[in-house]
Amino acid sequence: VDVWQSGDGAQVCVDCHIEVGAEITSLVTLNNLVQNGMFADEADSAYCLSCHSQPGLSMTFPNGDVNFITIREEDLHDSVHGANNSWQALECADCHDTNSYPHEPITANSSREFTLEQNQVCSRCHEDKFEQTHDSVHALALAEGVEEAAVCIDCHGSHDTPPPDEPRERISHTCEQCHSNIFNEYATSVHGDALLSEGNEDVPTCIECHGVHDINDPTTALARVRSPQLCAECHADEELMDKYDISTDVFETYVSDFHGTTVTLFEHQDPTVETNKAVCYDCHGVHNIKSPDDPHSGIKANLLVKCQECHPDATANFSDAWTSHFKPSLENNTLVYLVDLFYLIIIPLTLGAFLFLIGTD
């Protein structure tokens, strides 16, 4: 107060207002600064917004990068950190460690460097989530010098942080920011089309397969041998599959055939050893999964062509011999079902007859 009354503080106001081109005689703006800042017990967001809500504010980094620093009060209010925060609405100083002006000089040389510095702030409230990111592919890439690798702010935003899964398609659109080519494949798949075009929330988004904060490398041998289990999380769920008339035998029939049995053995013995046996995505695709009935999907109509990718000498008999993902029944693979049924009856009868013979002898 003494500095303000002496007039020394006024020069700071004048210099700043001249620099940003704001009218010094704007009594409302100046009064907000004074009342919410200098004469308040503790400066709150209203004090910061007295400047930062003005349009066209920016700062330039030594390398020439420009950050726009105008903050809309509505963005703060509507974000997950705003009025609806279950704990309490955060103030600017909770993240930025400053409630006075002029601010401390920024030491970052570029906009990205500044973002990486500010990203550490998230760990104060979200320590568990922040620690999960340490072993993710993004953190490993960052450690190798790839500064573009995603950090908290890239996915969640900063001042306008929305609920990350409302609406649910926001999850995949978030990943699209960096992985646009993969997103385009996903958008035309059975999963992506159902989510993005129909709003179906039952289908998987990126995070159901890849994880959220602890995203692992999907190209490792471990990820490959465990991928059938990942697909089974949905396709072995009877309640979920009944809604769409999809058989839940998919996983069981896979692990019981040659491919699945071998992959299962690899997982039990040493999951880090590579296997060349087919897993789900070798036949169905990864991000571009189509309906098996789709003539361009490589399944059913083009099954032999799909088999020949691994078995180049395969003929029509090769693919025709596969019983698909249906358990043999009178409706599907009738002959196989009858043969199975024959042995289910004849073997116990034969063994029972011998035991009876031995016992009575």
Protein backbone atom coordinates (compact mmCIF):
# COMPACT_ATOMS: atom_id res chain seq x y z
CA VAL A 1 0.00 0.00 0.00
CA ASP A 2 2.85 2.36 0.85
CA VAL A 3 4.42 1.79 -2.57
CA TRP A 4 1.10 2.32 -4.29
CA GLN A 5 0.41 5.53 -2.37
CA SER A 6 3.89 6.86 -3.08
CA GLY A 7 3.28 6.50 -6.80
CA ASP A 8 6.19 4.14 -7.44
CA GLY A 9 3.87 1.26 -8.23
CA ALA A 10 1.89 3.27 -10.74
CA GLN A 11 4.84 3.37 -13.12
CA VAL A 12 4.72 -0.43 -13.38
CA CYS A 13 1.06 -0.16 -14.38
CA VAL A 14 1.77 2.56 -16.93
CA ASP A 15 4.69 0.69 -18.51
CA CYS A 16 2.67 -2.51 -18.86
CA HIS A 17 -0.40 -0.82 -20.28
CA ILE A 18 1.67 1.02 -22.85
CA GLU A 19 3.40 -2.22 -23.86
CA VAL A 20 0.18 -4.19 -24.43
CA GLY A 21 -1.74 -1.26 -25.87
CA ALA A 22 -4.44 -1.20 -23.19
CA GLU A 23 -6.08 2.09 -22.22
CA ILE A 24 -4.53 3.34 -18.99
CA THR A 25 -7.76 5.16 -18.24
CA SER A 26 -9.81 1.93 -18.28
CA LEU A 27 -11.05 2.30 -14.72
CA VAL A 28 -12.74 -1.13 -14.62
CA THR A 29 -9.59 -3.00 -15.58
CA LEU A 30 -7.33 -0.98 -13.29
CA ASN A 31 -9.77 -1.25 -10.40
CA ASN A 32 -9.91 -5.04 -10.77
CA LEU A 33 -6.15 -5.19 -10.66
CA VAL A 34 -5.96 -3.05 -7.58
CA GLN A 35 -8.84 -4.56 -5.61
CA ASN A 36 -8.24 -8.21 -6.56
CA GLY A 37 -4.49 -8.00 -6.32
CA MET A 38 -2.82 -5.31 -4.27
CA PHE A 39 -5.45 -4.96 -1.59
CA ALA A 40 -6.62 -8.57 -1.42
CA ASP A 41 -5.41 -10.97 1.27
CA GLU A 42 -4.33 -13.36 -1.50
CA ALA A 43 -4.49 -12.80 -5.23
CA ASP A 44 -7.01 -15.13 -6.91
CA SER A 45 -7.86 -16.02 -10.50
CA ALA A 46 -9.84 -12.82 -10.90
CA TYR A 47 -6.62 -10.89 -10.40
CA CYS A 48 -4.81 -12.93 -13.08
CA LEU A 49 -7.73 -12.68 -15.48
CA SER A 50 -7.73 -8.92 -15.18
CA CYS A 51 -4.80 -9.09 -17.59
CA HIS A 52 -5.03 -12.54 -19.15
CA SER A 53 -8.64 -12.21 -20.26
CA GLN A 54 -7.67 -9.38 -22.61
CA PRO A 55 -7.68 -10.52 -26.25
CA GLY A 56 -4.53 -10.87 -28.30
CA LEU A 57 -2.01 -11.41 -25.49
CA SER A 58 1.07 -13.42 -26.45
CA MET A 59 4.65 -14.08 -25.43
CA THR A 60 7.61 -14.83 -27.66
CA PHE A 61 10.36 -17.30 -26.75
CA PRO A 62 14.03 -16.82 -27.62
CA ASN A 63 13.77 -19.28 -30.52
CA GLY A 64 10.89 -17.30 -32.04
CA ASP A 65 8.00 -19.49 -30.87
CA VAL A 66 4.89 -17.53 -29.95
CA ASN A 67 2.40 -18.63 -27.27
CA PHE A 68 -0.96 -16.93 -27.02
CA ILE A 69 -1.69 -16.33 -23.35
CA THR A 70 -5.22 -14.93 -23.48
CA ILE A 71 -7.37 -17.11 -21.18
CA ARG A 72 -11.14 -17.16 -21.45
CA GLU A 73 -12.80 -17.10 -18.03
CA GLU A 74 -15.48 -19.48 -19.36
CA ASP A 75 -12.81 -22.07 -20.21
CA LEU A 76 -11.49 -22.07 -16.67
CA HIS A 77 -14.96 -22.16 -15.16
CA ASP A 78 -16.16 -25.06 -17.35
CA SER A 79 -13.01 -27.20 -17.09
CA VAL A 80 -12.70 -30.17 -14.73
CA HIS A 81 -10.62 -27.92 -12.49
CA GLY A 82 -13.27 -25.21 -12.40
CA ALA A 83 -16.57 -24.81 -10.61
CA ASN A 84 -17.49 -28.51 -10.88
CA ASN A 85 -14.25 -29.74 -9.33
CA SER A 86 -15.24 -32.22 -6.61
CA TRP A 87 -12.43 -30.93 -4.40
CA GLN A 88 -12.60 -27.20 -5.03
CA ALA A 89 -12.08 -24.86 -7.95
CA LEU A 90 -8.39 -24.36 -8.58
CA GLU A 91 -6.89 -20.90 -8.66
CA CYS A 92 -4.26 -19.89 -11.21
CA ALA A 93 -1.60 -19.77 -8.49
CA ASP A 94 -2.23 -23.43 -7.61
CA CYS A 95 -0.49 -24.40 -10.83
CA HIS A 96 1.64 -21.40 -11.73
CA ASP A 97 3.23 -20.65 -8.34
CA THR A 98 2.82 -16.92 -8.70
CA ASN A 99 0.28 -14.37 -7.57
CA SER A 100 2.18 -11.19 -8.26
CA TYR A 101 3.15 -9.05 -11.22
CA PRO A 102 5.67 -8.61 -12.81
CA HIS A 103 6.21 -12.36 -13.12
CA GLU A 104 9.54 -14.10 -12.77
CA PRO A 105 11.38 -14.32 -16.12
CA ILE A 106 10.70 -17.49 -18.14
CA THR A 107 13.90 -19.46 -18.72
CA ALA A 108 12.55 -21.84 -21.39
CA ASN A 109 14.07 -21.35 -24.84
CA SER A 110 11.04 -22.64 -26.79
CA SER A 111 7.33 -23.18 -26.46
CA ARG A 112 7.80 -26.96 -26.21
CA GLU A 113 10.43 -26.62 -23.53
CA PHE A 114 8.04 -24.45 -21.54
CA THR A 115 5.27 -27.06 -21.93
CA LEU A 116 7.55 -29.83 -20.67
CA GLU A 117 8.49 -27.71 -17.65
CA GLN A 118 4.86 -26.94 -16.82
CA ASN A 119 3.87 -30.59 -17.23
CA GLN A 120 5.45 -31.41 -13.87
CA VAL A 121 2.71 -29.38 -12.19
CA CYS A 122 0.18 -32.16 -12.86
CA SER A 123 2.01 -34.52 -10.50
CA ARG A 124 1.03 -32.44 -7.47
CA CYS A 125 -2.57 -33.63 -7.58
CA HIS A 126 -2.34 -36.63 -9.90
CA GLU A 127 0.75 -38.36 -8.54
CA ASP A 128 -0.46 -41.92 -9.23
CA LYS A 129 -1.39 -41.17 -12.83
CA PHE A 130 1.83 -39.21 -13.33
CA GLU A 131 3.95 -42.12 -12.10
CA GLN A 132 2.17 -44.49 -14.48
CA THR A 133 3.38 -42.43 -17.42
CA HIS A 134 7.05 -42.97 -16.51
CA ASP A 135 7.23 -46.39 -18.18
CA SER A 136 4.96 -45.57 -21.11
CA VAL A 137 6.11 -45.41 -24.73
CA HIS A 138 5.63 -41.65 -24.61
CA ALA A 139 7.94 -41.19 -21.62
CA LEU A 140 10.55 -43.51 -23.12
CA ALA A 141 10.47 -41.55 -26.38
CA LEU A 142 10.82 -38.32 -24.42
CA ALA A 143 13.84 -39.73 -22.58
CA GLU A 144 15.40 -40.52 -25.95
CA GLY A 145 15.10 -36.88 -26.98
CA VAL A 146 11.81 -36.93 -28.87
CA GLU A 147 10.36 -33.71 -27.46
CA GLU A 148 7.12 -34.12 -29.43
CA ALA A 149 6.16 -37.21 -27.40
CA ALA A 150 2.86 -36.65 -25.63
CA VAL A 151 2.71 -35.38 -22.06
CA CYS A 152 -0.29 -34.66 -19.83
CA ILE A 153 -1.08 -31.27 -21.35
CA ASP A 154 -1.05 -32.59 -24.92
CA CYS A 155 -3.87 -35.02 -24.16
CA HIS A 156 -5.85 -33.23 -21.46
CA GLY A 157 -5.31 -29.57 -22.29
CA SER A 158 -4.28 -26.91 -19.81
CA HIS A 159 -6.75 -24.14 -18.95
CA ASP A 160 -9.71 -25.69 -20.79
CA THR A 161 -9.34 -29.27 -19.51
CA PRO A 162 -12.56 -31.16 -20.35
CA PRO A 163 -13.67 -34.56 -19.01
CA PRO A 164 -11.45 -36.90 -21.10
CA ASP A 165 -14.23 -39.37 -21.95
CA GLU A 166 -17.28 -37.15 -22.39
CA PRO A 167 -18.39 -37.84 -25.03
CA ARG A 168 -16.66 -41.19 -25.34
CA GLU A 169 -15.41 -40.53 -28.88
CA ARG A 170 -13.26 -37.71 -27.45
CA ILE A 171 -10.80 -40.42 -26.37
CA SER A 172 -10.01 -41.47 -29.91
CA HIS A 173 -10.02 -37.90 -31.20
CA THR A 174 -7.40 -37.09 -28.56
CA CYS A 175 -5.10 -39.79 -29.90
CA GLU A 176 -5.83 -38.57 -33.43
CA GLN A 177 -3.87 -35.37 -32.70
CA CYS A 178 -0.63 -37.32 -33.11
CA HIS A 179 -1.72 -40.61 -34.67
CA SER A 180 -3.94 -39.34 -37.48
CA ASN A 181 -3.12 -42.10 -40.00
CA ILE A 182 -3.98 -44.81 -37.50
CA PHE A 183 -7.12 -42.94 -36.51
CA ASN A 184 -8.25 -42.85 -40.13
CA GLU A 185 -7.93 -46.65 -40.28
CA TYR A 186 -9.77 -47.03 -37.00
CA ALA A 187 -12.57 -44.70 -38.12
CA THR A 188 -13.51 -47.05 -40.97
CA SER A 189 -13.27 -50.24 -38.90
CA VAL A 190 -16.22 -52.04 -37.28
CA HIS A 191 -15.21 -50.55 -33.94
CA GLY A 192 -14.50 -47.00 -35.07
CA ASP A 193 -17.52 -46.70 -37.33
CA ALA A 194 -19.83 -47.90 -34.55
CA LEU A 195 -18.40 -45.36 -32.10
CA LEU A 196 -17.91 -42.33 -34.33
CA SER A 197 -20.92 -42.70 -36.60
CA GLU A 198 -23.44 -44.41 -34.36
CA GLY A 199 -22.33 -43.27 -30.90
CA ASN A 200 -22.10 -46.89 -29.72
CA GLU A 201 -20.23 -46.82 -26.40
CA ASP A 202 -19.79 -50.60 -26.16
CA VAL A 203 -17.00 -50.74 -28.72
CA PRO A 204 -13.35 -50.28 -27.73
CA THR A 205 -11.52 -47.00 -28.14
CA CYS A 206 -7.75 -46.64 -28.29
CA ILE A 207 -7.30 -46.90 -24.53
CA GLU A 208 -9.11 -50.24 -24.14
CA CYS A 209 -6.38 -51.88 -26.22
CA HIS A 210 -3.36 -49.69 -25.51
CA GLY A 211 -3.97 -48.41 -21.98
CA VAL A 212 -4.21 -44.83 -20.79
CA HIS A 213 -1.23 -43.47 -18.89
CA ASP A 214 0.91 -46.64 -18.87
CA ILE A 215 0.84 -47.28 -22.61
CA ASN A 216 3.20 -50.13 -23.48
CA ASP A 217 4.98 -50.86 -26.74
CA PRO A 218 2.48 -52.85 -28.86
CA THR A 219 5.23 -54.23 -31.13
CA THR A 220 6.99 -56.44 -28.57
CA ALA A 221 6.83 -60.25 -28.47
CA LEU A 222 5.08 -60.01 -25.10
CA ALA A 223 2.33 -57.81 -26.54
CA ARG A 224 1.89 -60.20 -29.45
CA VAL A 225 1.43 -63.41 -27.45
CA ARG A 226 -0.94 -61.68 -25.02
CA SER A 227 -3.04 -60.00 -27.71
CA PRO A 228 -5.65 -62.81 -27.83
CA GLN A 229 -6.38 -62.20 -24.15
CA LEU A 230 -6.93 -58.55 -24.99
CA CYS A 231 -9.52 -59.39 -27.64
CA ALA A 232 -11.14 -61.88 -25.27
CA GLU A 233 -11.95 -59.12 -22.78
CA CYS A 234 -14.85 -58.18 -25.05
CA HIS A 235 -15.35 -61.23 -27.26
CA ALA A 236 -15.59 -63.68 -24.36
CA ASP A 237 -18.11 -61.48 -22.54
CA GLU A 238 -21.39 -63.34 -23.03
CA GLU A 239 -23.63 -60.50 -21.88
CA LEU A 240 -21.96 -58.00 -24.22
CA MET A 241 -21.76 -60.34 -27.21
CA ASP A 242 -25.41 -61.40 -26.86
CA LYS A 243 -26.42 -57.80 -27.58
CA TYR A 244 -24.89 -58.10 -31.05
CA ASP A 245 -25.52 -61.78 -31.75
CA ILE A 246 -21.78 -62.54 -31.81
CA SER A 247 -20.52 -65.95 -30.75
CA THR A 248 -18.47 -66.05 -27.54
CA ASP A 249 -16.76 -69.23 -28.73
CA VAL A 250 -14.22 -67.12 -30.60
CA PHE A 251 -11.55 -67.16 -27.90
CA GLU A 252 -12.01 -70.78 -26.80
CA THR A 253 -11.97 -72.12 -30.35
CA TYR A 254 -8.84 -70.09 -31.08
CA VAL A 255 -6.84 -71.31 -28.07
CA SER A 256 -7.87 -74.91 -28.80
CA ASP A 257 -6.64 -74.93 -32.40
CA PHE A 258 -3.03 -75.21 -33.57
CA HIS A 259 -2.34 -71.47 -33.67
CA GLY A 260 -3.83 -70.68 -30.28
CA THR A 261 -2.34 -73.69 -28.51
CA THR A 262 1.14 -72.77 -29.70
CA VAL A 263 0.76 -69.11 -28.73
CA THR A 264 -0.53 -70.15 -25.30
CA LEU A 265 2.50 -72.40 -24.79
CA PHE A 266 4.81 -69.53 -25.74
CA GLU A 267 3.12 -67.29 -23.18
CA HIS A 268 3.46 -69.85 -20.39
CA GLN A 269 7.06 -70.84 -21.15
CA ASP A 270 8.61 -67.48 -22.08
CA PRO A 271 6.34 -64.65 -23.23
CA THR A 272 9.31 -62.58 -24.44
CA VAL A 273 10.19 -65.09 -27.18
CA GLU A 274 8.80 -64.24 -30.60
CA THR A 275 6.26 -66.56 -32.21
CA ASN A 276 5.31 -66.64 -35.87
CA LYS A 277 1.96 -68.32 -35.19
CA ALA A 278 -1.14 -66.34 -36.09
CA VAL A 279 -2.84 -64.23 -33.46
CA CYS A 280 -6.20 -62.48 -33.82
CA TYR A 281 -4.92 -59.35 -35.55
CA ASP A 282 -2.96 -61.30 -38.19
CA CYS A 283 -6.27 -62.36 -39.74
CA HIS A 284 -8.62 -59.59 -38.69
CA GLY A 285 -6.30 -56.58 -38.78
CA VAL A 286 -5.29 -54.20 -36.04
CA HIS A 287 -6.88 -50.78 -36.41
CA ASN A 288 -8.72 -51.51 -39.66
CA ILE A 289 -10.79 -54.47 -38.43
CA LYS A 290 -13.67 -55.24 -40.77
CA SER A 291 -16.70 -57.46 -40.42
CA PRO A 292 -15.87 -61.07 -41.39
CA ASP A 293 -18.68 -60.81 -43.95
CA ASP A 294 -17.07 -57.81 -45.63
CA PRO A 295 -15.87 -58.99 -49.09
CA HIS A 296 -12.74 -56.87 -48.71
CA SER A 297 -11.85 -57.98 -45.18
CA GLY A 298 -9.72 -61.02 -46.05
CA ILE A 299 -12.02 -63.32 -44.07
CA LYS A 300 -14.56 -65.77 -45.50
CA ALA A 301 -14.65 -64.57 -49.12
CA ASN A 302 -10.85 -64.23 -49.23
CA LEU A 303 -9.93 -66.82 -46.61
CA LEU A 304 -7.54 -68.79 -48.82
CA VAL A 305 -5.67 -65.61 -49.76
CA LYS A 306 -5.37 -64.78 -46.07
CA CYS A 307 -4.06 -68.27 -45.25
CA GLN A 308 -1.51 -68.06 -48.07
CA GLU A 309 0.13 -65.06 -46.43
CA CYS A 310 1.68 -67.52 -43.97
CA HIS A 311 1.13 -70.78 -45.90
CA PRO A 312 2.05 -69.97 -49.53
CA ASP A 313 1.47 -73.57 -50.72
CA ALA A 314 -2.05 -73.75 -49.29
CA THR A 315 -4.84 -74.91 -51.59
CA ALA A 316 -8.62 -74.63 -51.31
CA ASN A 317 -8.72 -77.80 -49.22
CA PHE A 318 -6.46 -76.13 -46.67
CA SER A 319 -8.82 -73.27 -45.88
CA ASP A 320 -11.95 -75.42 -46.26
CA ALA A 321 -10.67 -77.72 -43.53
CA TRP A 322 -10.83 -74.94 -40.92
CA THR A 323 -13.89 -75.17 -38.70
CA SER A 324 -13.78 -71.39 -38.10
CA HIS A 325 -14.68 -70.00 -34.69
CA PHE A 326 -17.78 -72.13 -34.25
CA LYS A 327 -17.81 -75.21 -32.09
CA PRO A 328 -18.96 -78.13 -34.27
CA SER A 329 -22.74 -78.60 -34.11
CA LEU A 330 -25.59 -79.82 -36.27
CA GLU A 331 -25.75 -76.32 -37.77
CA ASN A 332 -22.02 -75.75 -38.21
CA ASN A 333 -19.58 -78.43 -39.39
CA THR A 334 -22.15 -81.19 -39.10
CA LEU A 335 -19.81 -84.03 -40.11
CA VAL A 336 -17.16 -83.03 -37.57
CA TYR A 337 -19.85 -82.80 -34.90
CA LEU A 338 -21.15 -86.32 -35.69
CA VAL A 339 -17.63 -87.78 -35.66
CA ASP A 340 -16.97 -86.11 -32.31
CA LEU A 341 -20.26 -87.42 -31.00
CA PHE A 342 -19.44 -90.93 -32.22
CA TYR A 343 -16.16 -90.97 -30.31
CA LEU A 344 -17.75 -89.45 -27.22
CA ILE A 345 -20.04 -92.47 -27.15
CA ILE A 346 -17.87 -95.30 -28.46
CA ILE A 347 -14.77 -94.63 -26.33
CA PRO A 348 -16.53 -94.75 -22.93
CA LEU A 349 -18.54 -97.82 -24.06
CA THR A 350 -15.40 -99.62 -25.26
CA LEU A 351 -13.40 -98.84 -22.13
CA GLY A 352 -16.40 -99.65 -19.97
CA ALA A 353 -16.83 -103.03 -21.67
CA PHE A 354 -13.15 -103.89 -21.09
CA LEU A 355 -13.36 -102.86 -17.44
CA PHE A 356 -16.50 -104.94 -17.03
CA LEU A 357 -14.79 -107.91 -18.67
CA ILE A 358 -11.70 -107.58 -16.47
CA GLY A 359 -13.80 -107.03 -13.36
CA THR A 360 -16.04 -110.02 -13.93
CA ASP A 361 -13.03 -112.23 -14.82
